[in-house]
Amino acid sequence: MELASRFLDIYTLMLVAVWVAAVWAWVLRRAAPGAEQLLFIGLALLLMVFSAARYQTGYDWPAYEEFYVQGDNLSGKYEFEPGFRWLVELFRYWRLDFTTFQFVLSAAQVLFTALFIRKFFQGLALLALAVYYTVPDLYLINAFSLMRQGLALSLFLCGAAYFFERKPWLTCLFFASAMLFHISSAFAIGVFLVIRCVGVSPMVAVPVVGALAASYLANINILGGLIQLAATWPPLQKYAIYQGLDTPSASILYKLLFVTLFLTLFYLACYRRRMQLREGEYTQAQAFNFALACAAVSISLVFWAYPTFLSRFQAFFIFFLLGYTWPVFDFSKSLNRGVLWCVIFGVCTALYAKFVLTHISMVYFPYQSLFQRDIELRSTGSERVDELHKELQRLWRGADE
């Protein structure tokens, strides 16, 4: 009952708002062509304020607050990237408190992500924004907890958008900035550039994706040894903990649904490629988009044994997969549009419900805002983080046993 009551929190109200706005924009797209752009701007601002104005909500804020307040006295405790450290020093120099620092970084993260969505999805931007909010690994976890990685992700996506627009200086600026805030962006940028140089052939992609799907269903951990080796490198040693303690879902039903979802998306990507070839529209740019879509599917299947790594690396490429597969459907037909929207809404809300009903998501419920009266005195953020740590220790002990 306690978990079910979370659906009555403001998060669900936000979910209804973004999806109603997305549907409304489709209904008014001919009668009021400018409505879609205004709705997108309004919802993007709403998502910015919603994450930026949170107070002690999420799970990494105690560490960031401690570093912000006592950074000079915590030698060696936190190994944060230089870009994050420089920003902390700048805000401290201006004598701004941690709440202001968190507000600005969270707003910037959502702003850059929304900018990418607008550029990359264009007419489908509102639908993509609704998906962005509804899938917890994209918005809630990054915007509320992963301050460094969330900002790095948004900078990477903006860099990719400018790459598609053939603006190399802006691409380099955003990619370099992303690497200054989180090391995971180096992986994303490396994959992005390798794919751009090498490309992906369907003759290779099909058997590789099939083998990865089979290995996932057979519980074969392909990356185990590689991650163990990578964790010996000093900058990555702090991630070694996930190798032994990260526990993927063992439910065969979940695994079948997961594989079915990504194999379906992969099929749609291959189908669109075939359509483009037949119509003479398969350009070098489209070949790159197809390769990025294949990368998103492969990452989703290869990192299955490490849910923490999976959610973080997958977020860098999942938008490319969605952006390439959605145009397969003829949006001029109401039936196609309605079916697609229902499927996307069903999948996204299922992921949202799974997150809400997970006990360890306690740090997000209830939502706390800076605008609430006496929130400094009434906040339960610290207690929820402590409870989360106890729950994780219990789960990890079970994993060790």
Protein backbone atom coordinates (compact mmCIF):
# COMPACT_ATOMS: atom_id res chain seq x y z
CA MET A 1 0.00 0.00 0.00
CA GLU A 2 2.87 2.33 0.83
CA LEU A 3 4.48 1.75 -2.56
CA ALA A 4 1.18 2.15 -4.41
CA SER A 5 0.58 5.50 -2.69
CA ARG A 6 3.62 6.87 -4.52
CA PHE A 7 1.51 7.12 -7.67
CA LEU A 8 -0.37 9.94 -5.92
CA ASP A 9 2.80 12.05 -5.70
CA ILE A 10 3.48 15.03 -7.96
CA TYR A 11 5.60 12.85 -10.27
CA THR A 12 2.46 11.25 -11.68
CA LEU A 13 0.87 14.67 -12.16
CA MET A 14 3.93 15.69 -14.16
CA LEU A 15 3.66 12.50 -16.22
CA VAL A 16 0.04 13.27 -17.07
CA ALA A 17 0.98 16.84 -17.99
CA VAL A 18 3.72 15.91 -20.47
CA TRP A 19 1.67 13.22 -22.18
CA VAL A 20 -1.50 15.31 -22.41
CA ALA A 21 0.55 18.15 -23.89
CA ALA A 22 2.14 15.77 -26.40
CA VAL A 23 -1.25 14.41 -27.51
CA TRP A 24 -2.75 17.90 -27.62
CA ALA A 25 0.06 19.11 -29.86
CA TRP A 26 -0.70 16.29 -32.31
CA VAL A 27 -4.40 17.18 -32.32
CA LEU A 28 -3.67 20.87 -32.96
CA ARG A 29 -0.76 20.38 -35.36
CA ARG A 30 -2.78 21.59 -38.37
CA ALA A 31 -5.19 24.02 -36.74
CA ALA A 32 -2.44 25.77 -34.74
CA PRO A 33 1.03 24.90 -36.11
CA GLY A 34 2.78 27.12 -33.56
CA ALA A 35 1.19 25.37 -30.58
CA GLU A 36 3.66 22.48 -30.65
CA GLN A 37 6.68 24.74 -30.29
CA LEU A 38 5.10 26.75 -27.47
CA LEU A 39 4.09 23.57 -25.64
CA PHE A 40 7.60 22.16 -26.01
CA ILE A 41 9.19 25.30 -24.57
CA GLY A 42 6.69 25.38 -21.71
CA LEU A 43 7.18 21.71 -20.81
CA ALA A 44 10.97 21.98 -21.07
CA LEU A 45 10.90 24.91 -18.64
CA LEU A 46 8.58 22.95 -16.34
CA LEU A 47 10.97 19.97 -16.30
CA MET A 48 13.90 22.31 -15.66
CA VAL A 49 12.25 23.90 -12.64
CA PHE A 50 10.92 20.57 -11.36
CA SER A 51 14.40 19.05 -11.10
CA ALA A 52 16.27 22.25 -10.19
CA ALA A 53 13.91 23.16 -7.35
CA ARG A 54 14.05 19.77 -5.63
CA TYR A 55 15.31 19.69 -2.06
CA GLN A 56 17.20 16.69 -0.68
CA THR A 57 15.52 14.39 -3.18
CA GLY A 58 17.55 11.66 -4.86
CA TYR A 59 20.50 9.69 -3.52
CA ASP A 60 23.81 11.38 -4.36
CA TRP A 61 23.10 14.84 -3.00
CA PRO A 62 24.69 14.24 0.48
CA ALA A 63 28.09 13.50 -1.11
CA TYR A 64 27.88 16.50 -3.42
CA GLU A 65 26.78 18.78 -0.61
CA GLU A 66 29.58 17.56 1.65
CA PHE A 67 32.13 18.13 -1.10
CA TYR A 68 30.71 21.58 -1.85
CA VAL A 69 30.76 22.68 1.78
CA GLN A 70 33.93 20.97 3.02
CA GLY A 71 35.86 20.29 -0.18
CA ASP A 72 39.10 21.75 1.18
CA ASN A 73 39.01 19.40 4.19
CA LEU A 74 38.16 16.17 2.35
CA SER A 75 41.48 15.37 0.75
CA GLY A 76 41.24 12.11 -1.21
CA LYS A 77 37.67 11.25 -0.19
CA TYR A 78 36.04 12.25 -3.48
CA GLU A 79 37.67 11.86 -6.88
CA PHE A 80 35.53 14.14 -8.99
CA GLU A 81 36.37 15.25 -12.51
CA PRO A 82 38.12 18.63 -13.01
CA GLY A 83 35.15 20.37 -14.65
CA PHE A 84 32.95 19.67 -11.65
CA ARG A 85 35.67 20.80 -9.24
CA TRP A 86 36.19 24.03 -11.16
CA LEU A 87 32.49 24.83 -11.06
CA VAL A 88 32.39 24.16 -7.33
CA GLU A 89 35.30 26.54 -6.81
CA LEU A 90 33.62 29.19 -8.96
CA PHE A 91 30.32 29.05 -7.07
CA ARG A 92 32.10 29.03 -3.73
CA TYR A 93 34.14 32.04 -4.86
CA TRP A 94 30.87 33.85 -5.54
CA ARG A 95 29.72 32.80 -2.03
CA LEU A 96 26.70 30.92 -3.34
CA ASP A 97 25.26 28.04 -1.33
CA PHE A 98 24.92 24.42 -2.44
CA THR A 99 21.21 24.81 -3.16
CA THR A 100 21.96 27.47 -5.77
CA PHE A 101 24.75 25.36 -7.24
CA GLN A 102 22.47 22.34 -7.55
CA PHE A 103 19.67 24.48 -9.02
CA VAL A 104 21.89 25.87 -11.79
CA LEU A 105 23.51 22.54 -12.73
CA SER A 106 20.19 20.68 -12.81
CA ALA A 107 18.54 23.38 -14.91
CA ALA A 108 21.49 23.37 -17.32
CA GLN A 109 21.31 19.59 -17.66
CA VAL A 110 17.63 19.58 -18.63
CA LEU A 111 18.12 22.63 -20.87
CA PHE A 112 20.88 20.97 -22.92
CA THR A 113 18.93 17.71 -23.17
CA ALA A 114 15.80 19.56 -24.32
CA LEU A 115 17.88 21.45 -26.89
CA PHE A 116 19.15 18.14 -28.29
CA ILE A 117 15.65 16.66 -28.37
CA ARG A 118 14.33 19.69 -30.25
CA LYS A 119 17.12 19.54 -32.82
CA PHE A 120 17.20 15.77 -33.29
CA PHE A 121 13.51 14.82 -33.17
CA GLN A 122 12.06 18.01 -34.70
CA GLY A 123 8.34 17.29 -35.29
CA LEU A 124 8.42 14.41 -32.80
CA ALA A 125 10.15 16.47 -30.11
CA LEU A 126 7.17 16.57 -27.73
CA LEU A 127 6.79 12.80 -27.89
CA ALA A 128 10.52 12.43 -27.21
CA LEU A 129 10.27 14.88 -24.30
CA ALA A 130 7.43 12.81 -22.82
CA VAL A 131 9.55 9.66 -23.14
CA TYR A 132 12.51 11.49 -21.59
CA TYR A 133 10.49 12.32 -18.49
CA THR A 134 8.66 8.99 -18.18
CA VAL A 135 11.66 6.65 -18.41
CA PRO A 136 13.37 7.01 -14.98
CA ASP A 137 16.87 6.21 -16.27
CA LEU A 138 16.71 9.24 -18.56
CA TYR A 139 15.25 12.04 -16.43
CA LEU A 140 14.63 11.21 -12.78
CA ILE A 141 17.87 9.40 -12.02
CA ASN A 142 20.11 11.69 -14.05
CA ALA A 143 18.46 15.01 -13.18
CA PHE A 144 17.81 14.23 -9.50
CA SER A 145 20.83 12.15 -8.49
CA LEU A 146 23.66 11.81 -11.01
CA MET A 147 24.66 15.46 -11.08
CA ARG A 148 27.99 14.97 -12.86
CA GLN A 149 26.97 12.23 -15.26
CA GLY A 150 23.63 13.87 -16.03
CA LEU A 151 25.37 17.07 -17.07
CA ALA A 152 27.98 15.13 -19.07
CA LEU A 153 25.18 13.21 -20.83
CA SER A 154 23.37 16.40 -21.82
CA LEU A 155 26.60 17.99 -23.08
CA PHE A 156 27.38 14.87 -25.14
CA LEU A 157 23.91 14.91 -26.69
CA CYS A 158 24.25 18.59 -27.61
CA GLY A 159 27.64 17.87 -29.13
CA ALA A 160 26.09 15.09 -31.20
CA ALA A 161 23.32 17.42 -32.38
CA TYR A 162 25.87 19.97 -33.56
CA PHE A 163 27.85 17.17 -35.22
CA PHE A 164 24.79 16.35 -37.32
CA GLU A 165 24.52 20.06 -38.18
CA ARG A 166 28.16 20.06 -39.34
CA LYS A 167 29.35 22.52 -36.71
CA PRO A 168 32.71 21.00 -35.69
CA TRP A 169 33.80 23.71 -33.27
CA LEU A 170 30.61 23.48 -31.23
CA THR A 171 30.83 19.68 -31.37
CA CYS A 172 34.37 19.72 -29.99
CA LEU A 173 33.40 22.25 -27.31
CA PHE A 174 30.49 20.17 -26.02
CA PHE A 175 32.34 16.85 -26.25
CA ALA A 176 35.34 18.26 -24.37
CA SER A 177 33.05 19.78 -21.74
CA ALA A 178 31.27 16.44 -21.29
CA MET A 179 34.56 14.67 -20.56
CA LEU A 180 35.39 17.31 -17.96
CA PHE A 181 32.30 16.35 -15.95
CA HIS A 182 32.20 12.54 -16.10
CA ILE A 183 34.54 9.87 -17.38
CA SER A 184 31.67 7.81 -18.83
CA SER A 185 31.30 10.42 -21.57
CA ALA A 186 34.75 9.39 -22.86
CA PHE A 187 33.28 5.93 -23.56
CA ALA A 188 30.29 7.48 -25.35
CA ILE A 189 32.41 9.85 -27.43
CA GLY A 190 34.82 7.04 -28.31
CA VAL A 191 31.99 4.79 -29.51
CA PHE A 192 30.41 7.70 -31.39
CA LEU A 193 33.63 8.54 -33.27
CA VAL A 194 34.58 4.92 -33.97
CA ILE A 195 31.15 4.28 -35.46
CA ARG A 196 31.48 7.44 -37.55
CA CYS A 197 34.82 6.29 -38.95
CA VAL A 198 34.13 2.56 -39.33
CA GLY A 199 30.37 2.30 -39.76
CA VAL A 200 28.18 -0.75 -39.16
CA SER A 201 27.16 -3.27 -41.78
CA PRO A 202 23.85 -5.13 -41.36
CA MET A 203 25.73 -8.30 -42.34
CA VAL A 204 27.71 -7.83 -39.12
CA ALA A 205 25.05 -6.21 -36.94
CA VAL A 206 22.43 -8.96 -37.34
CA PRO A 207 24.58 -11.91 -36.13
CA VAL A 208 26.21 -9.79 -33.41
CA VAL A 209 22.88 -8.61 -31.99
CA GLY A 210 21.52 -12.16 -32.23
CA ALA A 211 24.52 -13.55 -30.36
CA LEU A 212 24.26 -10.87 -27.67
CA ALA A 213 20.56 -11.59 -27.17
CA ALA A 214 21.27 -15.32 -26.86
CA SER A 215 24.11 -14.73 -24.38
CA TYR A 216 21.84 -12.54 -22.27
CA LEU A 217 19.12 -15.18 -22.13
CA ALA A 218 21.77 -17.82 -21.33
CA ASN A 219 23.27 -15.67 -18.53
CA ILE A 220 26.65 -15.49 -20.26
CA ASN A 221 28.53 -12.44 -18.99
CA ILE A 222 30.72 -11.35 -21.90
CA LEU A 223 32.15 -8.25 -20.22
CA GLY A 224 33.12 -9.75 -16.86
CA GLY A 225 36.85 -10.09 -17.52
CA LEU A 226 37.08 -6.81 -19.42
CA ILE A 227 35.46 -4.82 -16.61
CA GLN A 228 37.70 -6.54 -14.06
CA LEU A 229 40.73 -5.49 -16.09
CA ALA A 230 39.47 -1.92 -16.58
CA ALA A 231 38.86 -1.57 -12.84
CA THR A 232 42.61 -1.95 -12.23
CA TRP A 233 43.17 1.46 -13.84
CA PRO A 234 43.30 4.02 -10.98
CA PRO A 235 40.64 6.43 -12.37
CA LEU A 236 38.20 3.50 -12.67
CA GLN A 237 38.96 1.65 -9.43
CA LYS A 238 36.01 3.26 -7.64
CA TYR A 239 33.66 1.43 -10.05
CA ALA A 240 35.04 -2.01 -9.18
CA ILE A 241 32.42 -2.33 -6.43
CA TYR A 242 29.70 -2.81 -9.04
CA GLN A 243 31.36 -5.92 -10.45
CA GLY A 244 30.59 -7.96 -7.38
CA LEU A 245 27.53 -6.18 -6.01
CA ASP A 246 25.50 -5.18 -9.07
CA THR A 247 22.74 -7.76 -9.39
CA PRO A 248 20.66 -7.97 -12.60
CA SER A 249 17.07 -9.16 -12.64
CA ALA A 250 16.88 -12.95 -12.68
CA SER A 251 13.24 -13.05 -13.79
CA ILE A 252 12.92 -14.97 -17.04
CA LEU A 253 9.78 -12.97 -17.89
CA TYR A 254 11.68 -9.69 -17.52
CA LYS A 255 14.54 -10.99 -19.65
CA LEU A 256 12.20 -12.15 -22.39
CA LEU A 257 10.39 -8.80 -22.43
CA PHE A 258 13.70 -6.92 -22.45
CA VAL A 259 15.07 -8.95 -25.37
CA THR A 260 11.78 -8.72 -27.26
CA LEU A 261 11.72 -4.94 -26.90
CA PHE A 262 15.23 -4.37 -28.19
CA LEU A 263 15.06 -6.99 -30.94
CA THR A 264 11.85 -5.32 -32.13
CA LEU A 265 13.57 -1.93 -32.19
CA PHE A 266 16.52 -3.48 -34.01
CA TYR A 267 14.18 -5.00 -36.58
CA LEU A 268 12.53 -1.61 -37.11
CA ALA A 269 15.95 -0.01 -37.61
CA CYS A 270 16.86 -2.64 -40.23
CA TYR A 271 13.46 -2.25 -41.87
CA ARG A 272 13.87 1.52 -42.15
CA ARG A 273 17.33 1.07 -43.63
CA ARG A 274 15.88 -1.25 -46.26
CA MET A 275 13.13 1.28 -47.05
CA GLN A 276 15.69 4.06 -47.44
CA LEU A 277 17.81 1.94 -49.75
CA ARG A 278 14.79 1.13 -51.91
CA GLU A 279 13.80 4.80 -52.14
CA GLY A 280 17.35 6.05 -52.72
CA GLU A 281 17.42 7.99 -49.42
CA TYR A 282 20.12 6.02 -47.62
CA THR A 283 22.80 8.69 -47.40
CA GLN A 284 26.03 8.66 -45.42
CA ALA A 285 24.24 10.54 -42.63
CA GLN A 286 21.48 7.93 -42.52
CA ALA A 287 24.06 5.14 -42.44
CA PHE A 288 25.59 6.82 -39.39
CA ASN A 289 22.18 7.07 -37.72
CA PHE A 290 21.59 3.37 -38.39
CA ALA A 291 24.98 2.53 -36.86
CA LEU A 292 24.16 4.57 -33.73
CA ALA A 293 20.85 2.73 -33.43
CA CYS A 294 22.72 -0.59 -33.61
CA ALA A 295 25.10 0.64 -30.91
CA ALA A 296 22.17 1.41 -28.61
CA VAL A 297 20.79 -2.12 -29.03
CA SER A 298 24.21 -3.74 -28.54
CA ILE A 299 24.98 -1.73 -25.39
CA SER A 300 21.57 -2.66 -23.96
CA LEU A 301 22.31 -6.36 -24.44
CA VAL A 302 26.01 -6.51 -23.59
CA PHE A 303 25.87 -4.70 -20.21
CA TRP A 304 22.97 -6.76 -18.83
CA ALA A 305 25.02 -8.15 -15.92
CA TYR A 306 25.75 -4.65 -14.58
CA PRO A 307 22.51 -2.64 -14.26
CA THR A 308 24.38 0.43 -13.01
CA PHE A 309 26.66 0.54 -16.05
CA LEU A 310 23.77 -0.38 -18.33
CA SER A 311 21.55 2.51 -17.27
CA ARG A 312 24.41 5.00 -17.53
CA PHE A 313 25.88 3.93 -20.87
CA GLN A 314 22.52 3.16 -22.47
CA ALA A 315 21.30 6.71 -21.87
CA PHE A 316 23.99 8.08 -24.21
CA PHE A 317 22.62 6.22 -27.25
CA ILE A 318 18.97 5.32 -26.65
CA PHE A 319 17.71 8.58 -28.19
CA PHE A 320 19.48 7.73 -31.46
CA LEU A 321 17.69 4.39 -31.58
CA LEU A 322 14.28 5.99 -31.01
CA GLY A 323 14.96 8.79 -33.47
CA TYR A 324 15.88 6.34 -36.21
CA THR A 325 13.03 3.86 -35.71
CA TRP A 326 10.03 6.14 -35.15
CA PRO A 327 9.89 7.44 -38.76
CA VAL A 328 9.19 3.87 -39.91
CA PHE A 329 5.55 4.61 -39.13
CA ASP A 330 3.46 6.80 -41.42
CA PHE A 331 2.41 9.60 -39.07
CA SER A 332 0.00 11.03 -41.63
CA LYS A 333 -2.37 8.15 -40.84
CA SER A 334 -4.32 8.52 -37.62
CA LEU A 335 -4.44 4.77 -36.96
CA ASN A 336 -0.65 4.39 -37.25
CA ARG A 337 -0.12 7.39 -35.03
CA GLY A 338 -2.58 6.17 -32.42
CA VAL A 339 -1.15 2.65 -32.28
CA LEU A 340 2.43 3.91 -32.03
CA TRP A 341 1.59 6.36 -29.28
CA CYS A 342 -0.25 3.71 -27.27
CA VAL A 343 2.69 1.29 -27.57
CA ILE A 344 5.26 3.93 -26.59
CA PHE A 345 3.10 5.14 -23.71
CA GLY A 346 2.56 1.57 -22.50
CA VAL A 347 6.26 0.68 -22.52
CA CYS A 348 7.35 3.93 -20.88
CA THR A 349 4.71 3.87 -18.15
CA ALA A 350 5.56 0.22 -17.42
CA LEU A 351 9.18 1.27 -16.83
CA TYR A 352 7.95 4.17 -14.70
CA ALA A 353 5.69 1.90 -12.64
CA LYS A 354 8.52 -0.60 -12.14
CA PHE A 355 10.69 2.22 -10.78
CA VAL A 356 7.97 3.58 -8.50
CA LEU A 357 7.19 0.15 -7.04
CA THR A 358 10.86 -0.59 -6.31
CA HIS A 359 11.55 -0.19 -2.62
CA ILE A 360 14.96 1.43 -3.11
CA SER A 361 13.37 4.36 -5.00
CA MET A 362 12.33 5.64 -1.57
CA VAL A 363 14.74 8.58 -1.89
CA TYR A 364 12.47 10.14 -4.53
CA PHE A 365 9.20 9.94 -2.59
CA PRO A 366 7.73 12.24 -1.57
CA TYR A 367 9.04 15.03 -3.80
CA GLN A 368 10.44 17.93 -1.78
CA SER A 369 10.78 21.44 -3.17
CA LEU A 370 12.69 24.58 -2.23
CA PHE A 371 9.37 26.39 -2.45
CA GLN A 372 7.80 24.41 0.40
CA ARG A 373 7.49 26.26 3.67
CA ASP A 374 10.13 25.39 6.30
CA ILE A 375 11.48 22.63 4.09
CA GLU A 376 14.86 22.81 5.85
CA LEU A 377 13.17 21.73 9.08
CA ARG A 378 10.64 19.27 7.65
CA SER A 379 12.83 17.51 5.10
CA THR A 380 13.15 13.73 5.38
CA GLY A 381 15.89 13.55 2.75
CA SER A 382 18.69 12.47 5.09
CA GLU A 383 16.59 9.76 6.71
CA ARG A 384 15.59 8.34 3.33
CA VAL A 385 19.20 8.23 2.12
CA ASP A 386 20.23 6.44 5.33
CA GLU A 387 17.40 3.95 4.84
CA LEU A 388 18.51 3.41 1.24
CA HIS A 389 22.08 2.65 2.34
CA LYS A 390 20.80 0.10 4.87
CA GLU A 391 18.64 -1.55 2.21
CA LEU A 392 21.55 -1.70 -0.24
CA GLN A 393 23.82 -3.23 2.39
CA ARG A 394 21.17 -5.88 3.04
CA LEU A 395 20.89 -6.64 -0.68
CA TRP A 396 24.67 -6.72 -1.12
CA ARG A 397 25.07 -9.11 1.81
CA GLY A 398 22.53 -11.34 0.10
CA ALA A 399 24.53 -11.13 -3.12
CA ASP A 400 27.73 -12.09 -1.30
CA GLU A 401 26.04 -15.09 0.26
